[in-house]
N, C-alpha and C. Protein backbone atom coordinates (compact mmCIF):
# COMPACT_ATOMS: atom_id res chain seq x y z
N GLU A 1 0.20 30.02 -4.24
CA GLU A 1 0.53 28.64 -4.58
C GLU A 1 -0.18 28.21 -5.85
N ARG A 2 0.47 27.39 -6.61
CA ARG A 2 -0.16 26.89 -7.84
C ARG A 2 -1.12 25.75 -7.49
N PRO A 3 -2.30 25.76 -8.09
CA PRO A 3 -3.23 24.65 -7.84
C PRO A 3 -2.71 23.37 -8.49
N ASN A 4 -2.85 22.26 -7.81
CA ASN A 4 -2.39 20.99 -8.37
C ASN A 4 -3.18 20.67 -9.63
N LYS A 5 -2.48 20.17 -10.66
CA LYS A 5 -3.19 19.79 -11.87
C LYS A 5 -4.14 18.64 -11.56
N THR A 6 -3.67 17.69 -10.75
CA THR A 6 -4.54 16.57 -10.37
C THR A 6 -5.42 17.03 -9.22
N ASN A 7 -6.70 16.76 -9.33
CA ASN A 7 -7.65 17.19 -8.31
C ASN A 7 -7.39 16.43 -7.02
N PRO A 8 -7.13 17.12 -5.91
CA PRO A 8 -6.89 16.42 -4.64
C PRO A 8 -8.06 15.53 -4.24
N LYS A 9 -9.27 15.97 -4.59
CA LYS A 9 -10.45 15.15 -4.25
C LYS A 9 -10.36 13.82 -5.01
N ARG A 10 -9.94 13.91 -6.29
CA ARG A 10 -9.83 12.70 -7.10
C ARG A 10 -8.81 11.75 -6.47
N ILE A 11 -7.68 12.33 -6.03
CA ILE A 11 -6.63 11.50 -5.42
C ILE A 11 -7.20 10.80 -4.19
N GLY A 12 -7.96 11.54 -3.38
CA GLY A 12 -8.55 10.95 -2.18
C GLY A 12 -9.45 9.79 -2.55
N LYS A 13 -10.25 9.97 -3.61
CA LYS A 13 -11.16 8.89 -4.02
C LYS A 13 -10.35 7.67 -4.44
N ALA A 14 -9.29 7.88 -5.20
CA ALA A 14 -8.46 6.77 -5.67
C ALA A 14 -7.86 6.03 -4.47
N GLN A 15 -7.39 6.80 -3.48
CA GLN A 15 -6.81 6.17 -2.29
C GLN A 15 -7.87 5.36 -1.56
N ASN A 16 -9.08 5.91 -1.47
CA ASN A 16 -10.16 5.19 -0.78
C ASN A 16 -10.47 3.89 -1.51
N LYS A 17 -10.50 3.95 -2.85
CA LYS A 17 -10.77 2.73 -3.63
C LYS A 17 -9.74 1.67 -3.30
N ARG A 18 -8.45 2.09 -3.29
CA ARG A 18 -7.38 1.14 -3.00
C ARG A 18 -7.56 0.55 -1.61
N ALA A 19 -7.86 1.41 -0.64
CA ALA A 19 -8.03 0.94 0.74
C ALA A 19 -9.19 -0.06 0.79
N ASN A 20 -10.28 0.24 0.10
CA ASN A 20 -11.43 -0.67 0.11
C ASN A 20 -11.06 -2.01 -0.51
N LEU A 21 -10.31 -1.98 -1.62
CA LEU A 21 -9.91 -3.23 -2.26
C LEU A 21 -9.06 -4.06 -1.31
N GLU A 22 -8.13 -3.40 -0.63
CA GLU A 22 -7.26 -4.13 0.31
C GLU A 22 -8.10 -4.72 1.44
N LYS A 23 -9.09 -3.98 1.91
CA LYS A 23 -9.96 -4.48 2.99
C LYS A 23 -10.69 -5.74 2.52
N THR A 24 -11.22 -5.71 1.30
CA THR A 24 -11.96 -6.87 0.80
C THR A 24 -11.00 -8.05 0.62
N LYS A 25 -9.75 -7.77 0.24
CA LYS A 25 -8.78 -8.86 0.07
C LYS A 25 -8.50 -9.53 1.41
N LEU A 26 -8.42 -8.72 2.47
CA LEU A 26 -8.11 -9.28 3.79
C LEU A 26 -9.23 -10.20 4.26
N LYS A 27 -10.46 -9.91 3.88
CA LYS A 27 -11.59 -10.72 4.35
C LYS A 27 -11.48 -12.16 3.86
């Protein structure tokens, strides 16, 4: 399999950031 050009770890971090922002918005 070809390795993804975008680092999966980076994607996970970006998703976590988004989730955290949404959590703070809900508060």
